[in-house]
Amino acid sequence: LALRAGWNYGETTEAFATTYEVARASLPSGTYRQIT
């Protein structure tokens, strides 16, 4: 519920007027995962 509320706040409030897009990176083909 908190997660959805944060999303909805950005969607409905006048304070945040812009969304941002960072496109996919061109990486060598393969299967990736995030790792520490």
PDB file of all heavy atoms in Angstrom:
ATOM      1  N   LEU A   1       0.829  -1.207   0.000  1.00  0.00           N
ATOM      2  CA  LEU A   1       0.000   0.000   0.000  1.00  0.00           C
ATOM      3  C   LEU A   1       0.866   1.260   0.000  1.00  0.00           C
ATOM      4  O   LEU A   1       0.558   2.242  -0.696  1.00  0.00           O
ATOM      5  CB  LEU A   1      -0.927  -0.004   1.219  1.00  0.00           C
ATOM      6  CG  LEU A   1      -2.063  -1.032   1.200  1.00  0.00           C
ATOM      7  CD1 LEU A   1      -2.801  -1.024   2.545  1.00  0.00           C
ATOM      8  CD2 LEU A   1      -3.038  -0.749   0.058  1.00  0.00           C
ATOM      9  N   ALA A   2       1.952   1.260   0.768  1.00  0.00           N
ATOM     10  CA  ALA A   2       2.847   2.418   0.798  1.00  0.00           C
ATOM     11  C   ALA A   2       3.521   2.618  -0.556  1.00  0.00           C
ATOM     12  O   ALA A   2       3.674   3.748  -1.042  1.00  0.00           O
ATOM     13  CB  ALA A   2       3.895   2.239   1.891  1.00  0.00           C
ATOM     14  N   LEU A   3       3.935   1.517  -1.172  1.00  0.00           N
ATOM     15  CA  LEU A   3       4.558   1.587  -2.494  1.00  0.00           C
ATOM     16  C   LEU A   3       3.606   2.214  -3.510  1.00  0.00           C
ATOM     17  O   LEU A   3       3.983   3.125  -4.260  1.00  0.00           O
ATOM     18  CB  LEU A   3       4.968   0.175  -2.932  1.00  0.00           C
ATOM     19  CG  LEU A   3       5.621   0.034  -4.313  1.00  0.00           C
ATOM     20  CD1 LEU A   3       7.042   0.570  -4.282  1.00  0.00           C
ATOM     21  CD2 LEU A   3       5.613  -1.440  -4.748  1.00  0.00           C
ATOM     22  N   ARG A   4       2.361   1.751  -3.506  1.00  0.00           N
ATOM     23  CA  ARG A   4       1.368   2.284  -4.438  1.00  0.00           C
ATOM     24  C   ARG A   4       1.068   3.751  -4.132  1.00  0.00           C
ATOM     25  O   ARG A   4       0.862   4.554  -5.055  1.00  0.00           O
ATOM     26  CB  ARG A   4       0.085   1.458  -4.363  1.00  0.00           C
ATOM     27  CG  ARG A   4       0.247   0.032  -4.880  1.00  0.00           C
ATOM     28  CD  ARG A   4      -1.003  -0.785  -4.649  1.00  0.00           C
ATOM     29  NE  ARG A   4      -0.868  -2.156  -5.135  1.00  0.00           N
ATOM     30  CZ  ARG A   4      -1.762  -3.121  -4.913  1.00  0.00           C
ATOM     31  NH1 ARG A   4      -2.865  -2.847  -4.207  1.00  0.00           N
ATOM     32  NH2 ARG A   4      -1.568  -4.332  -5.377  1.00  0.00           N
ATOM     33  N   ALA A   5       1.056   4.097  -2.843  1.00  0.00           N
ATOM     34  CA  ALA A   5       0.775   5.485  -2.471  1.00  0.00           C
ATOM     35  C   ALA A   5       1.861   6.424  -3.001  1.00  0.00           C
ATOM     36  O   ALA A   5       1.569   7.540  -3.455  1.00  0.00           O
ATOM     37  CB  ALA A   5       0.662   5.608  -0.954  1.00  0.00           C
ATOM     38  N   GLY A   6       3.123   5.986  -2.928  1.00  0.00           N
ATOM     39  CA  GLY A   6       4.207   6.801  -3.468  1.00  0.00           C
ATOM     40  C   GLY A   6       4.065   6.997  -4.970  1.00  0.00           C
ATOM     41  O   GLY A   6       4.252   8.101  -5.492  1.00  0.00           O
ATOM     42  N   TRP A   7       3.757   5.920  -5.679  1.00  0.00           N
ATOM     43  CA  TRP A   7       3.534   6.013  -7.121  1.00  0.00           C
ATOM     44  C   TRP A   7       2.379   6.974  -7.415  1.00  0.00           C
ATOM     45  O   TRP A   7       2.488   7.859  -8.275  1.00  0.00           O
ATOM     46  CB  TRP A   7       3.235   4.619  -7.682  1.00  0.00           C
ATOM     47  CG  TRP A   7       2.836   4.619  -9.121  1.00  0.00           C
ATOM     48  CD1 TRP A   7       1.591   4.921  -9.633  1.00  0.00           C
ATOM     49  CD2 TRP A   7       3.656   4.342 -10.251  1.00  0.00           C
ATOM     50  NE1 TRP A   7       1.590   4.830 -10.993  1.00  0.00           N
ATOM     51  CE2 TRP A   7       2.845   4.476 -11.414  1.00  0.00           C
ATOM     52  CE3 TRP A   7       4.988   3.978 -10.409  1.00  0.00           C
ATOM     53  CZ2 TRP A   7       3.334   4.258 -12.697  1.00  0.00           C
ATOM     54  CZ3 TRP A   7       5.481   3.764 -11.685  1.00  0.00           C
ATOM     55  CH2 TRP A   7       4.669   3.906 -12.812  1.00  0.00           C
ATOM     56  N   ASN A   8       1.264   6.788  -6.711  1.00  0.00           N
ATOM     57  CA  ASN A   8       0.075   7.613  -6.970  1.00  0.00           C
ATOM     58  C   ASN A   8       0.314   9.077  -6.619  1.00  0.00           C
ATOM     59  O   ASN A   8      -0.235   9.975  -7.275  1.00  0.00           O
ATOM     60  CB  ASN A   8      -1.122   7.075  -6.186  1.00  0.00           C
ATOM     61  CG  ASN A   8      -1.581   5.717  -6.696  1.00  0.00           C
ATOM     62  OD1 ASN A   8      -1.381   5.378  -7.870  1.00  0.00           O
ATOM     63  ND2 ASN A   8      -2.184   4.919  -5.824  1.00  0.00           N
ATOM     64  N   TYR A   9       1.139   9.327  -5.606  1.00  0.00           N
ATOM     65  CA  TYR A   9       1.443  10.710  -5.248  1.00  0.00           C
ATOM     66  C   TYR A   9       2.156  11.407  -6.410  1.00  0.00           C
ATOM     67  O   TYR A   9       1.836  12.543  -6.776  1.00  0.00           O
ATOM     68  CB  TYR A   9       2.303  10.754  -3.990  1.00  0.00           C
ATOM     69  CG  TYR A   9       2.567  12.158  -3.494  1.00  0.00           C
ATOM     70  CD1 TYR A   9       1.652  12.803  -2.670  1.00  0.00           C
ATOM     71  CD2 TYR A   9       3.722  12.843  -3.862  1.00  0.00           C
ATOM     72  CE1 TYR A   9       1.880  14.101  -2.224  1.00  0.00           C
ATOM     73  CE2 TYR A   9       3.970  14.140  -3.428  1.00  0.00           C
ATOM     74  CZ  TYR A   9       3.045  14.756  -2.599  1.00  0.00           C
ATOM     75  OH  TYR A   9       3.273  16.045  -2.167  1.00  0.00           O
ATOM     76  N   GLY A  10       3.144  10.727  -6.983  1.00  0.00           N
ATOM     77  CA  GLY A  10       3.820  11.303  -8.138  1.00  0.00           C
ATOM     78  C   GLY A  10       2.879  11.503  -9.312  1.00  0.00           C
ATOM     79  O   GLY A  10       2.963  12.503 -10.034  1.00  0.00           O
ATOM     80  N   GLU A  11       1.950  10.558  -9.483  1.00  0.00           N
ATOM     81  CA  GLU A  11       1.017  10.601 -10.605  1.00  0.00           C
ATOM     82  C   GLU A  11       0.014  11.747 -10.487  1.00  0.00           C
ATOM     83  O   GLU A  11      -0.398  12.330 -11.504  1.00  0.00           O
ATOM     84  CB  GLU A  11       0.263   9.261 -10.684  1.00  0.00           C
ATOM     85  CG  GLU A  11      -0.735   9.150 -11.814  1.00  0.00           C
ATOM     86  CD  GLU A  11      -0.077   8.926 -13.160  1.00  0.00           C
ATOM     87  OE1 GLU A  11       1.112   8.535 -13.205  1.00  0.00           O
ATOM     88  OE2 GLU A  11      -0.755   9.163 -14.173  1.00  0.00           O
ATOM     89  N   THR A  12      -0.382  12.100  -9.256  1.00  0.00           N
ATOM     90  CA  THR A  12      -1.499  13.028  -9.070  1.00  0.00           C
ATOM     91  C   THR A  12      -1.113  14.407  -8.562  1.00  0.00           C
ATOM     92  O   THR A  12      -1.847  15.370  -8.785  1.00  0.00           O
ATOM     93  CB  THR A  12      -2.520  12.423  -8.083  1.00  0.00           C
ATOM     94  OG1 THR A  12      -1.862  12.156  -6.829  1.00  0.00           O
ATOM     95  CG2 THR A  12      -3.095  11.128  -8.640  1.00  0.00           C
ATOM     96  N   THR A  13       0.021  14.538  -7.872  1.00  0.00           N
ATOM     97  CA  THR A  13       0.364  15.838  -7.309  1.00  0.00           C
ATOM     98  C   THR A  13       0.882  16.778  -8.390  1.00  0.00           C
ATOM     99  O   THR A  13       1.441  16.351  -9.408  1.00  0.00           O
ATOM    100  CB  THR A  13       1.420  15.693  -6.200  1.00  0.00           C
ATOM    101  OG1 THR A  13       1.633  16.976  -5.586  1.00  0.00           O
ATOM    102  CG2 THR A  13       2.744  15.213  -6.775  1.00  0.00           C
ATOM    103  N   GLU A  14       0.704  18.060  -8.169  1.00  0.00           N
ATOM    104  CA  GLU A  14       1.213  19.063  -9.098  1.00  0.00           C
ATOM    105  C   GLU A  14       2.707  19.325  -8.897  1.00  0.00           C
ATOM    106  O   GLU A  14       3.350  19.949  -9.742  1.00  0.00           O
ATOM    107  CB  GLU A  14       0.444  20.384  -8.911  1.00  0.00           C
ATOM    108  CG  GLU A  14      -1.029  20.290  -9.240  1.00  0.00           C
ATOM    109  CD  GLU A  14      -1.280  20.052 -10.721  1.00  0.00           C
ATOM    110  OE1 GLU A  14      -0.411  20.443 -11.518  1.00  0.00           O
ATOM    111  OE2 GLU A  14      -2.313  19.472 -11.073  1.00  0.00           O
ATOM    112  N   ALA A  15       3.263  18.843  -7.741  1.00  0.00           N
ATOM    113  CA  ALA A  15       4.655  19.164  -7.409  1.00  0.00           C
ATOM    114  C   ALA A  15       5.635  18.529  -8.399  1.00  0.00           C
ATOM    115  O   ALA A  15       6.681  19.100  -8.714  1.00  0.00           O
ATOM    116  CB  ALA A  15       4.976  18.708  -5.991  1.00  0.00           C
ATOM    117  N   PHE A  16       5.313  17.326  -8.880  1.00  0.00           N
ATOM    118  CA  PHE A  16       6.210  16.619  -9.789  1.00  0.00           C
ATOM    119  C   PHE A  16       5.611  16.675 -11.193  1.00  0.00           C
ATOM    120  O   PHE A  16       4.702  15.907 -11.527  1.00  0.00           O
ATOM    121  CB  PHE A  16       6.415  15.174  -9.329  1.00  0.00           C
ATOM    122  CG  PHE A  16       7.102  15.074  -7.997  1.00  0.00           C
ATOM    123  CD1 PHE A  16       6.367  15.082  -6.826  1.00  0.00           C
ATOM    124  CD2 PHE A  16       8.476  15.001  -7.915  1.00  0.00           C
ATOM    125  CE1 PHE A  16       6.993  15.001  -5.588  1.00  0.00           C
ATOM    126  CE2 PHE A  16       9.117  14.917  -6.689  1.00  0.00           C
ATOM    127  CZ  PHE A  16       8.380  14.921  -5.525  1.00  0.00           C
ATOM    128  N   ALA A  17       6.093  17.566 -11.993  1.00  0.00           N
ATOM    129  CA  ALA A  17       5.493  17.815 -13.300  1.00  0.00           C
ATOM    130  C   ALA A  17       6.178  17.050 -14.425  1.00  0.00           C
ATOM    131  O   ALA A  17       5.718  17.087 -15.563  1.00  0.00           O
ATOM    132  CB  ALA A  17       5.537  19.310 -13.604  1.00  0.00           C
ATOM    133  N   THR A  18       7.281  16.377 -14.125  1.00  0.00           N
ATOM    134  CA  THR A  18       8.065  15.737 -15.176  1.00  0.00           C
ATOM    135  C   THR A  18       8.460  14.333 -14.760  1.00  0.00           C
ATOM    136  O   THR A  18       8.856  14.093 -13.614  1.00  0.00           O
ATOM    137  CB  THR A  18       9.343  16.545 -15.475  1.00  0.00           C
ATOM    138  OG1 THR A  18       8.989  17.892 -15.783  1.00  0.00           O
ATOM    139  CG2 THR A  18      10.119  15.948 -16.641  1.00  0.00           C
ATOM    140  N   THR A  19       8.324  13.412 -15.674  1.00  0.00           N
ATOM    141  CA  THR A  19       8.914  12.088 -15.502  1.00  0.00           C
ATOM    142  C   THR A  19      10.156  12.009 -16.384  1.00  0.00           C
ATOM    143  O   THR A  19      10.327  12.803 -17.314  1.00  0.00           O
ATOM    144  CB  THR A  19       7.930  10.973 -15.897  1.00  0.00           C
ATOM    145  OG1 THR A  19       7.570  11.126 -17.276  1.00  0.00           O
ATOM    146  CG2 THR A  19       6.683  11.018 -15.024  1.00  0.00           C
ATOM    147  N   TYR A  20      11.010  11.022 -16.086  1.00  0.00           N
ATOM    148  CA  TYR A  20      12.294  10.932 -16.778  1.00  0.00           C
ATOM    149  C   TYR A  20      12.475   9.534 -17.345  1.00  0.00           C
ATOM    150  O   TYR A  20      12.097   8.540 -16.717  1.00  0.00           O
ATOM    151  CB  TYR A  20      13.439  11.268 -15.826  1.00  0.00           C
ATOM    152  CG  TYR A  20      13.306  12.648 -15.216  1.00  0.00           C
ATOM    153  CD1 TYR A  20      12.684  12.827 -13.981  1.00  0.00           C
ATOM    154  CD2 TYR A  20      13.773  13.765 -15.894  1.00  0.00           C
ATOM    155  CE1 TYR A  20      12.541  14.086 -13.425  1.00  0.00           C
ATOM    156  CE2 TYR A  20      13.635  15.035 -15.351  1.00  0.00           C
ATOM    157  CZ  TYR A  20      13.016  15.188 -14.116  1.00  0.00           C
ATOM    158  OH  TYR A  20      12.866  16.438 -13.580  1.00  0.00           O
ATOM    159  N   GLU A  21      13.078   9.485 -18.500  1.00  0.00           N
ATOM    160  CA  GLU A  21      13.316   8.216 -19.173  1.00  0.00           C
ATOM    161  C   GLU A  21      14.806   8.016 -19.366  1.00  0.00           C
ATOM    162  O   GLU A  21      15.482   8.857 -19.959  1.00  0.00           O
ATOM    163  CB  GLU A  21      12.606   8.193 -20.531  1.00  0.00           C
ATOM    164  CG  GLU A  21      12.863   6.923 -21.327  1.00  0.00           C
ATOM    165  CD  GLU A  21      12.297   6.992 -22.735  1.00  0.00           C
ATOM    166  OE1 GLU A  21      11.492   7.905 -23.017  1.00  0.00           O
ATOM    167  OE2 GLU A  21      12.679   6.131 -23.564  1.00  0.00           O
ATOM    168  N   VAL A  22      15.310   6.905 -18.834  1.00  0.00           N
ATOM    169  CA  VAL A  22      16.689   6.489 -19.091  1.00  0.00           C
ATOM    170  C   VAL A  22      16.603   5.185 -19.870  1.00  0.00           C
ATOM    171  O   VAL A  22      16.169   4.157 -19.341  1.00  0.00           O
ATOM    172  CB  VAL A  22      17.480   6.294 -17.783  1.00  0.00           C
ATOM    173  CG1 VAL A  22      18.921   5.893 -18.098  1.00  0.00           C
ATOM    174  CG2 VAL A  22      17.449   7.550 -16.932  1.00  0.00           C
ATOM    175  N   ALA A  23      16.983   5.218 -21.125  1.00  0.00           N
ATOM    176  CA  ALA A  23      16.791   4.078 -22.018  1.00  0.00           C
ATOM    177  C   ALA A  23      17.702   2.914 -21.640  1.00  0.00           C
ATOM    178  O   ALA A  23      18.651   3.050 -20.859  1.00  0.00           O
ATOM    179  CB  ALA A  23      17.053   4.502 -23.455  1.00  0.00           C
ATOM    180  N   ARG A  24      17.388   1.778 -22.223  1.00  0.00           N
ATOM    181  CA  ARG A  24      18.217   0.596 -22.021  1.00  0.00           C
ATOM    182  C   ARG A  24      19.628   0.842 -22.546  1.00  0.00           C
ATOM    183  O   ARG A  24      19.834   1.572 -23.508  1.00  0.00           O
ATOM    184  CB  ARG A  24      17.613  -0.618 -22.738  1.00  0.00           C
ATOM    185  CG  ARG A  24      16.329  -1.128 -22.117  1.00  0.00           C
ATOM    186  CD  ARG A  24      15.744  -2.271 -22.952  1.00  0.00           C
ATOM    187  NE  ARG A  24      14.619  -2.887 -22.266  1.00  0.00           N
ATOM    188  CZ  ARG A  24      13.378  -2.428 -22.318  1.00  0.00           C
ATOM    189  NH1 ARG A  24      13.105  -1.338 -23.025  1.00  0.00           N
ATOM    190  NH2 ARG A  24      12.412  -3.038 -21.674  1.00  0.00           N
ATOM    191  N   ALA A  25      20.588   0.177 -21.909  1.00  0.00           N
ATOM    192  CA  ALA A  25      21.972   0.261 -22.368  1.00  0.00           C
ATOM    193  C   ALA A  25      22.243  -0.816 -23.404  1.00  0.00           C
ATOM    194  O   ALA A  25      21.628  -1.894 -23.376  1.00  0.00           O
ATOM    195  CB  ALA A  25      22.926   0.106 -21.190  1.00  0.00           C
ATOM    196  N   SER A  26      23.157  -0.536 -24.299  1.00  0.00           N
ATOM    197  CA  SER A  26      23.578  -1.512 -25.287  1.00  0.00           C
ATOM    198  C   SER A  26      24.737  -2.313 -24.708  1.00  0.00           C
ATOM    199  O   SER A  26      25.888  -1.870 -24.700  1.00  0.00           O
ATOM    200  CB  SER A  26      23.998  -0.812 -26.587  1.00  0.00           C
ATOM    201  OG  SER A  26      24.438  -1.767 -27.532  1.00  0.00           O
ATOM    202  N   LEU A  27      24.424  -3.498 -24.195  1.00  0.00           N
ATOM    203  CA  LEU A  27      25.428  -4.363 -23.575  1.00  0.00           C
ATOM    204  C   LEU A  27      25.637  -5.599 -24.452  1.00  0.00           C
ATOM    205  O   LEU A  27      24.747  -5.959 -25.231  1.00  0.00           O
ATOM    206  CB  LEU A  27      24.975  -4.792 -22.174  1.00  0.00           C
ATOM    207  CG  LEU A  27      24.735  -3.665 -21.164  1.00  0.00           C
ATOM    208  CD1 LEU A  27      24.124  -4.226 -19.877  1.00  0.00           C
ATOM    209  CD2 LEU A  27      26.020  -2.928 -20.855  1.00  0.00           C
ATOM    210  N   PRO A  28      26.793  -6.254 -24.346  1.00  0.00           N
ATOM    211  CA  PRO A  28      26.989  -7.490 -25.104  1.00  0.00           C
ATOM    212  C   PRO A  28      25.870  -8.481 -24.832  1.00  0.00           C
ATOM    213  O   PRO A  28      25.346  -8.558 -23.711  1.00  0.00           O
ATOM    214  CB  PRO A  28      28.338  -8.006 -24.583  1.00  0.00           C
ATOM    215  CG  PRO A  28      29.043  -6.779 -24.093  1.00  0.00           C
ATOM    216  CD  PRO A  28      27.978  -5.887 -23.547  1.00  0.00           C
ATOM    217  N   SER A  29      25.478  -9.236 -25.831  1.00  0.00           N
ATOM    218  CA  SER A  29      24.347 -10.154 -25.683  1.00  0.00           C
ATOM    219  C   SER A  29      24.661 -11.219 -24.643  1.00  0.00           C
ATOM    220  O   SER A  29      25.805 -11.637 -24.475  1.00  0.00           O
ATOM    221  CB  SER A  29      24.022 -10.807 -27.028  1.00  0.00           C
ATOM    222  OG  SER A  29      25.127 -11.569 -27.487  1.00  0.00           O
ATOM    223  N   GLY A  30      23.633 -11.643 -23.957  1.00  0.00           N
ATOM    224  CA  GLY A  30      23.774 -12.661 -22.931  1.00  0.00           C
ATOM    225  C   GLY A  30      22.707 -12.499 -21.872  1.00  0.00           C
ATOM    226  O   GLY A  30      21.842 -11.624 -21.949  1.00  0.00           O
ATOM    227  N   THR A  31      22.760 -13.353 -20.882  1.00  0.00           N
ATOM    228  CA  THR A  31      21.836 -13.298 -19.752  1.00  0.00           C
ATOM    229  C   THR A  31      22.529 -12.590 -18.595  1.00  0.00           C
ATOM    230  O   THR A  31      23.624 -12.989 -18.187  1.00  0.00           O
ATOM    231  CB  THR A  31      21.410 -14.711 -19.315  1.00  0.00           C
ATOM    232  OG1 THR A  31      20.798 -15.379 -20.420  1.00  0.00           O
ATOM    233  CG2 THR A  31      20.421 -14.646 -18.164  1.00  0.00           C
ATOM    234  N   TYR A  32      21.892 -11.546 -18.079  1.00  0.00           N
ATOM    235  CA  TYR A  32      22.488 -10.724 -17.034  1.00  0.00           C
ATOM    236  C   TYR A  32      21.680 -10.805 -15.748  1.00  0.00           C
ATOM    237  O   TYR A  32      20.476 -11.081 -15.767  1.00  0.00           O
ATOM    238  CB  TYR A  32      22.556  -9.253 -17.467  1.00  0.00           C
ATOM    239  CG  TYR A  32      23.588  -8.952 -18.519  1.00  0.00           C
ATOM    240  CD1 TYR A  32      23.333  -9.187 -19.861  1.00  0.00           C
ATOM    241  CD2 TYR A  32      24.831  -8.420 -18.165  1.00  0.00           C
ATOM    242  CE1 TYR A  32      24.277  -8.906 -20.830  1.00  0.00           C
ATOM    243  CE2 TYR A  32      25.782  -8.131 -19.129  1.00  0.00           C
ATOM    244  CZ  TYR A  32      25.502  -8.379 -20.456  1.00  0.00           C
ATOM    245  OH  TYR A  32      26.440  -8.098 -21.414  1.00  0.00           O
ATOM    246  N   ARG A  33      22.351 -10.534 -14.661  1.00  0.00           N
ATOM    247  CA  ARG A  33      21.690 -10.317 -13.386  1.00  0.00           C
ATOM    248  C   ARG A  33      22.489  -9.275 -12.613  1.00  0.00           C
ATOM    249  O   ARG A  33      23.687  -9.082 -12.844  1.00  0.00           O
ATOM    250  CB  ARG A  33      21.574 -11.604 -12.563  1.00  0.00           C
ATOM    251  CG  ARG A  33      22.900 -12.272 -12.223  1.00  0.00           C
ATOM    252  CD  ARG A  33      22.794 -13.116 -10.959  1.00  0.00           C
ATOM    253  NE  ARG A  33      22.648 -12.291  -9.769  1.00  0.00           N
ATOM    254  CZ  ARG A  33      22.461 -12.784  -8.536  1.00  0.00           C
ATOM    255  NH1 ARG A  33      22.381 -14.091  -8.361  1.00  0.00           N
ATOM    256  NH2 ARG A  33      22.355 -11.974  -7.503  1.00  0.00           N
ATOM    257  N   GLN A  34      21.814  -8.603 -11.724  1.00  0.00           N
ATOM    258  CA  GLN A  34      22.485  -7.686 -10.802  1.00  0.00           C
ATOM    259  C   GLN A  34      23.242  -8.522  -9.774  1.00  0.00           C
ATOM    260  O   GLN A  34      22.726  -9.520  -9.270  1.00  0.00           O
ATOM    261  CB  GLN A  34      21.447  -6.798 -10.116  1.00  0.00           C
ATOM    262  CG  GLN A  34      21.954  -6.044  -8.908  1.00  0.00           C
ATOM    263  CD  GLN A  34      20.835  -5.767  -7.912  1.00  0.00           C
ATOM    264  OE1 GLN A  34      19.672  -6.038  -8.184  1.00  0.00           O
ATOM    265  NE2 GLN A  34      21.182  -5.247  -6.754  1.00  0.00           N
ATOM    266  N   ILE A  35      24.457  -8.099  -9.432  1.00  0.00           N
ATOM    267  CA  ILE A  35      25.231  -8.890  -8.475  1.00  0.00           C
ATOM    268  C   ILE A  35      26.139  -7.992  -7.657  1.00  0.00           C
ATOM    269  O   ILE A  35      26.657  -6.987  -8.144  1.00  0.00           O
ATOM    270  CB  ILE A  35      26.062  -9.979  -9.209  1.00  0.00           C
ATOM    271  CG1 ILE A  35      26.443 -11.118  -8.263  1.00  0.00           C
ATOM    272  CG2 ILE A  35      27.302  -9.379  -9.874  1.00  0.00           C
ATOM    273  CD1 ILE A  35      26.900 -12.373  -8.964  1.00  0.00           C
ATOM    274  N   THR A  36      26.298  -8.327  -6.384  1.00  0.00           N
ATOM    275  CA  THR A  36      27.254  -7.633  -5.527  1.00  0.00           C
ATOM    276  C   THR A  36      28.593  -8.357  -5.573  1.00  0.00           C
ATOM    277  O   THR A  36      28.686  -9.512  -6.006  1.00  0.00           O
ATOM    278  CB  THR A  36      26.776  -7.589  -4.067  1.00  0.00           C
ATOM    279  OG1 THR A  36      26.758  -8.931  -3.534  1.00  0.00           O
ATOM    280  CG2 THR A  36      25.385  -6.973  -3.949  1.00  0.00           C
TER     281      THR A  36
END
